[in-house]
Amino acid sequence: MQGRDIDRSQLDSTVDAALNDAVLDAMQKQLAPLGKPSSFALRSDTSAGGMTSYTFVVTWSKGTLYYTFALDDKTGKIAGLFFRAGPPPKSGA
């Protein structure tokens, strides 16, 4: 999302429509100053109602973001996205 390199063939029609230029511009403005992430770690995966969701913890030196996406089990396409800021990293961690 930082570089706006999105393979829209991986998105269902709802998510594809939601990720318009205004949304991508806003996301890029928020994420670009963070630089390159230092780690991605799978925190959880859950299956329910024909969807499987995955939550990753993405860490930068300046902060943490929880990134959750849901895959439609039938199509394999991304059917939902959610980002949430996390607590700042602990000193010396």
Protein backbone atom coordinates (compact mmCIF):
# COMPACT_ATOMS: atom_id res chain seq x y z
CA MET A 1 0.00 0.00 0.00
CA GLN A 2 2.93 2.34 0.55
CA GLY A 3 3.88 2.19 -3.12
CA ARG A 4 0.33 1.76 -4.45
CA ASP A 5 1.34 -1.48 -6.17
CA ILE A 6 -2.01 -3.25 -5.97
CA ASP A 7 -2.93 -6.33 -7.97
CA ARG A 8 -6.62 -5.62 -8.34
CA SER A 9 -7.25 -9.10 -9.76
CA GLN A 10 -6.81 -10.31 -6.16
CA LEU A 11 -9.67 -8.10 -4.86
CA ASP A 12 -13.39 -8.74 -4.91
CA SER A 13 -15.52 -6.04 -6.52
CA THR A 14 -16.43 -4.35 -3.21
CA VAL A 15 -12.84 -3.98 -2.02
CA ASP A 16 -11.69 -2.99 -5.50
CA ALA A 17 -14.26 -0.16 -5.60
CA ALA A 18 -13.44 0.94 -2.04
CA LEU A 19 -9.73 1.32 -2.80
CA ASN A 20 -10.22 4.40 -4.97
CA ASP A 21 -7.56 7.05 -5.62
CA ALA A 22 -8.60 9.20 -2.65
CA VAL A 23 -8.33 6.27 -0.22
CA LEU A 24 -5.00 5.15 -1.67
CA ASP A 25 -3.63 8.71 -1.53
CA ALA A 26 -4.60 9.00 2.13
CA MET A 27 -3.08 5.62 2.98
CA GLN A 28 0.12 6.43 1.13
CA LYS A 29 0.46 9.77 2.96
CA GLN A 30 0.11 8.00 6.30
CA LEU A 31 2.37 5.04 5.56
CA ALA A 32 5.14 6.54 3.39
CA PRO A 33 6.79 8.53 6.21
CA LEU A 34 7.22 5.31 8.18
CA GLY A 35 9.68 3.97 5.62
CA LYS A 36 10.31 0.29 5.12
CA PRO A 37 8.66 -2.06 7.64
CA SER A 38 11.10 -3.92 9.86
CA SER A 39 8.84 -6.96 10.36
CA PHE A 40 5.60 -8.68 9.38
CA ALA A 41 4.31 -11.34 11.76
CA LEU A 42 1.16 -13.41 11.47
CA ARG A 43 -0.80 -12.84 14.65
CA SER A 44 -3.91 -14.91 13.93
CA ASP A 45 -6.07 -16.58 11.34
CA THR A 46 -9.74 -17.36 11.70
CA SER A 47 -12.29 -19.11 9.49
CA ALA A 48 -16.02 -18.43 9.66
CA GLY A 49 -18.92 -17.96 7.28
CA GLY A 50 -17.01 -18.84 4.13
CA MET A 51 -14.21 -16.38 4.89
CA THR A 52 -10.75 -16.77 6.33
CA SER A 53 -9.22 -13.70 7.95
CA TYR A 54 -5.55 -13.15 8.65
CA THR A 55 -4.14 -10.52 10.99
CA PHE A 56 -0.54 -9.44 10.69
CA VAL A 57 1.44 -7.18 12.98
CA VAL A 58 3.51 -4.82 10.83
CA THR A 59 6.28 -3.02 12.69
CA TRP A 60 8.32 0.05 11.83
CA SER A 61 10.81 1.83 14.08
CA LYS A 62 8.15 4.52 14.60
CA GLY A 63 5.14 2.34 15.31
CA THR A 64 3.02 -0.73 14.74
CA LEU A 65 0.02 -1.44 12.55
CA TYR A 66 -2.38 -4.37 12.68
CA TYR A 67 -3.34 -5.36 9.15
CA THR A 68 -6.28 -7.75 8.73
CA PHE A 69 -7.59 -9.05 5.45
CA ALA A 70 -10.35 -11.53 4.74
CA LEU A 71 -10.32 -14.01 1.88
CA ASP A 72 -13.46 -15.41 0.34
CA ASP A 73 -12.91 -19.16 0.63
CA LYS A 74 -14.70 -19.85 -2.68
CA THR A 75 -12.99 -17.25 -4.87
CA GLY A 76 -9.73 -16.75 -2.99
CA LYS A 77 -10.14 -13.00 -3.46
CA ILE A 78 -9.65 -10.38 -0.78
CA ALA A 79 -13.13 -9.51 0.47
CA GLY A 80 -12.20 -7.21 3.34
CA LEU A 81 -9.34 -5.03 4.63
CA PHE A 82 -8.85 -3.44 8.02
CA PHE A 83 -5.95 -1.43 9.42
CA ARG A 84 -5.52 -0.43 13.05
CA ALA A 85 -2.66 1.38 14.73
CA GLY A 86 -0.99 -0.49 17.52
CA PRO A 87 0.95 0.55 20.58
CA PRO A 88 4.43 1.98 19.99
CA PRO A 89 7.27 -0.53 20.21
CA LYS A 90 8.89 -0.93 23.61
CA SER A 91 12.32 0.66 24.07
CA GLY A 92 15.14 -1.78 23.48
CA ALA A 93 12.81 -4.35 21.87
